[in-house]
């Protein structure tokens, strides 16, 4: 395995980690929005 292949594998691994981080951040934002909406509905019903 030459250096180019090693660098390419490291780059692919870094990209996969980045994708997971972005997905986790997006899920966090979605959860916050859902919680906010759900909380707003409960307040209106009371």
N, C-alpha and C. Protein backbone atom coordinates (compact mmCIF):
# COMPACT_ATOMS: atom_id res chain seq x y z
N UNK A 1 0.86 -1.18 0.00
CA UNK A 1 0.00 0.00 0.00
C UNK A 1 0.90 1.24 0.00
N UNK A 2 0.71 2.07 -0.95
CA UNK A 2 1.55 3.26 -1.03
C UNK A 2 0.92 4.41 -0.24
N UNK A 3 1.63 5.51 -0.17
CA UNK A 3 1.18 6.66 0.61
C UNK A 3 -0.15 7.21 0.12
N UNK A 4 -0.33 7.23 -1.19
CA UNK A 4 -1.58 7.74 -1.74
C UNK A 4 -2.78 6.95 -1.22
N UNK A 5 -2.67 5.64 -1.20
CA UNK A 5 -3.75 4.80 -0.72
C UNK A 5 -4.01 5.03 0.76
N UNK A 6 -2.95 5.21 1.55
CA UNK A 6 -3.10 5.48 2.98
C UNK A 6 -3.82 6.81 3.20
N UNK A 7 -3.40 7.81 2.47
CA UNK A 7 -4.02 9.13 2.59
C UNK A 7 -5.49 9.05 2.19
N UNK A 8 -5.77 8.33 1.13
CA UNK A 8 -7.15 8.20 0.66
C UNK A 8 -8.02 7.50 1.70
N UNK A 9 -7.51 6.46 2.33
CA UNK A 9 -8.26 5.77 3.38
C UNK A 9 -8.51 6.69 4.57
N UNK A 10 -7.50 7.45 4.95
CA UNK A 10 -7.67 8.39 6.05
C UNK A 10 -8.71 9.46 5.70
N UNK A 11 -8.68 9.93 4.48
CA UNK A 11 -9.64 10.93 4.02
C UNK A 11 -11.07 10.36 4.05
N UNK A 12 -11.22 9.14 3.59
CA UNK A 12 -12.54 8.50 3.60
C UNK A 12 -13.05 8.34 5.04
N UNK A 13 -12.15 7.94 5.92
CA UNK A 13 -12.53 7.76 7.33
C UNK A 13 -12.94 9.10 7.94
N UNK A 14 -12.20 10.14 7.66
CA UNK A 14 -12.52 11.47 8.17
C UNK A 14 -13.87 11.94 7.63
N UNK A 15 -14.15 11.66 6.37
CA UNK A 15 -15.43 12.04 5.78
C UNK A 15 -16.59 11.31 6.46
N UNK A 16 -16.42 10.03 6.72
CA UNK A 16 -17.46 9.27 7.39
C UNK A 16 -17.72 9.82 8.79
N UNK A 17 -16.67 10.14 9.51
CA UNK A 17 -16.82 10.72 10.85
C UNK A 17 -17.55 12.06 10.77
N UNK A 18 -17.20 12.87 9.78
CA UNK A 18 -17.84 14.16 9.60
C UNK A 18 -19.33 13.98 9.31
N UNK A 19 -19.67 13.03 8.46
CA UNK A 19 -21.07 12.77 8.15
C UNK A 19 -21.85 12.37 9.40
N UNK A 20 -21.23 11.54 10.25
CA UNK A 20 -21.89 11.12 11.49
C UNK A 20 -22.11 12.31 12.42
N UNK A 21 -21.12 13.20 12.49
CA UNK A 21 -21.24 14.39 13.33
C UNK A 21 -22.36 15.29 12.83
N UNK A 22 -22.43 15.49 11.52
CA UNK A 22 -23.48 16.34 10.94
C UNK A 22 -24.85 15.71 11.20
N UNK A 23 -24.95 14.41 11.02
CA UNK A 23 -26.22 13.72 11.25
C UNK A 23 -26.65 13.86 12.72
N UNK A 24 -25.71 13.72 13.63
CA UNK A 24 -26.02 13.86 15.06
C UNK A 24 -26.49 15.27 15.37
N UNK A 25 -25.84 16.26 14.79
CA UNK A 25 -26.23 17.66 15.01
C UNK A 25 -27.62 17.93 14.43
N UNK A 26 -27.90 17.40 13.25
CA UNK A 26 -29.22 17.57 12.66
C UNK A 26 -30.29 16.91 13.52
N UNK A 27 -30.00 15.72 14.05
CA UNK A 27 -30.96 15.02 14.89
C UNK A 27 -31.22 15.81 16.17
N UNK A 28 -30.18 16.41 16.71
CA UNK A 28 -30.33 17.24 17.91
C UNK A 28 -31.26 18.42 17.63
N UNK A 29 -31.08 19.08 16.51
CA UNK A 29 -31.93 20.21 16.14
C UNK A 29 -33.38 19.77 15.95
N UNK A 30 -33.57 18.63 15.30
CA UNK A 30 -34.92 18.10 15.09
C UNK A 30 -35.58 17.81 16.44
N UNK A 31 -34.84 17.19 17.33
CA UNK A 31 -35.38 16.86 18.65
C UNK A 31 -35.78 18.13 19.41
N UNK A 32 -34.95 19.18 19.30
CA UNK A 32 -35.27 20.43 19.97
C UNK A 32 -36.55 21.05 19.40
N UNK A 33 -36.69 21.01 18.07
CA UNK A 33 -37.89 21.55 17.44
C UNK A 33 -39.14 20.77 17.85
N UNK A 34 -39.03 19.46 17.86
CA UNK A 34 -40.17 18.62 18.24
C UNK A 34 -40.54 18.88 19.69
N UNK A 35 -39.56 18.99 20.54
CA UNK A 35 -39.81 19.26 21.96
C UNK A 35 -40.47 20.61 22.12
N UNK A 36 -40.00 21.60 21.40
CA UNK A 36 -40.59 22.94 21.47
C UNK A 36 -42.04 22.91 21.02
N UNK A 37 -42.31 22.26 19.90
CA UNK A 37 -43.69 22.19 19.39
C UNK A 37 -44.59 21.43 20.35
N UNK A 38 -44.08 20.31 20.85
CA UNK A 38 -44.87 19.50 21.77
C UNK A 38 -45.16 20.29 23.04
N UNK A 39 -44.18 21.00 23.54
CA UNK A 39 -44.36 21.83 24.73
C UNK A 39 -45.37 22.93 24.48
N UNK A 40 -45.36 23.52 23.30
CA UNK A 40 -46.29 24.59 22.95
C UNK A 40 -47.71 24.06 22.91
N UNK A 41 -47.91 22.86 22.39
CA UNK A 41 -49.25 22.26 22.33
C UNK A 41 -49.77 22.01 23.73
N UNK A 42 -48.92 21.51 24.61
CA UNK A 42 -49.35 21.23 25.98
C UNK A 42 -49.76 22.50 26.69
N UNK A 43 -49.02 23.58 26.47
CA UNK A 43 -49.34 24.84 27.12
C UNK A 43 -50.69 25.36 26.63
N UNK A 44 -51.00 25.20 25.35
CA UNK A 44 -52.28 25.67 24.79
C UNK A 44 -53.44 24.86 25.36
N UNK A 45 -53.22 23.57 25.59
CA UNK A 45 -54.29 22.71 26.06
C UNK A 45 -54.62 22.98 27.52
N UNK A 46 -53.69 23.47 28.29
CA UNK A 46 -53.91 23.67 29.73
C UNK A 46 -54.66 24.90 30.04
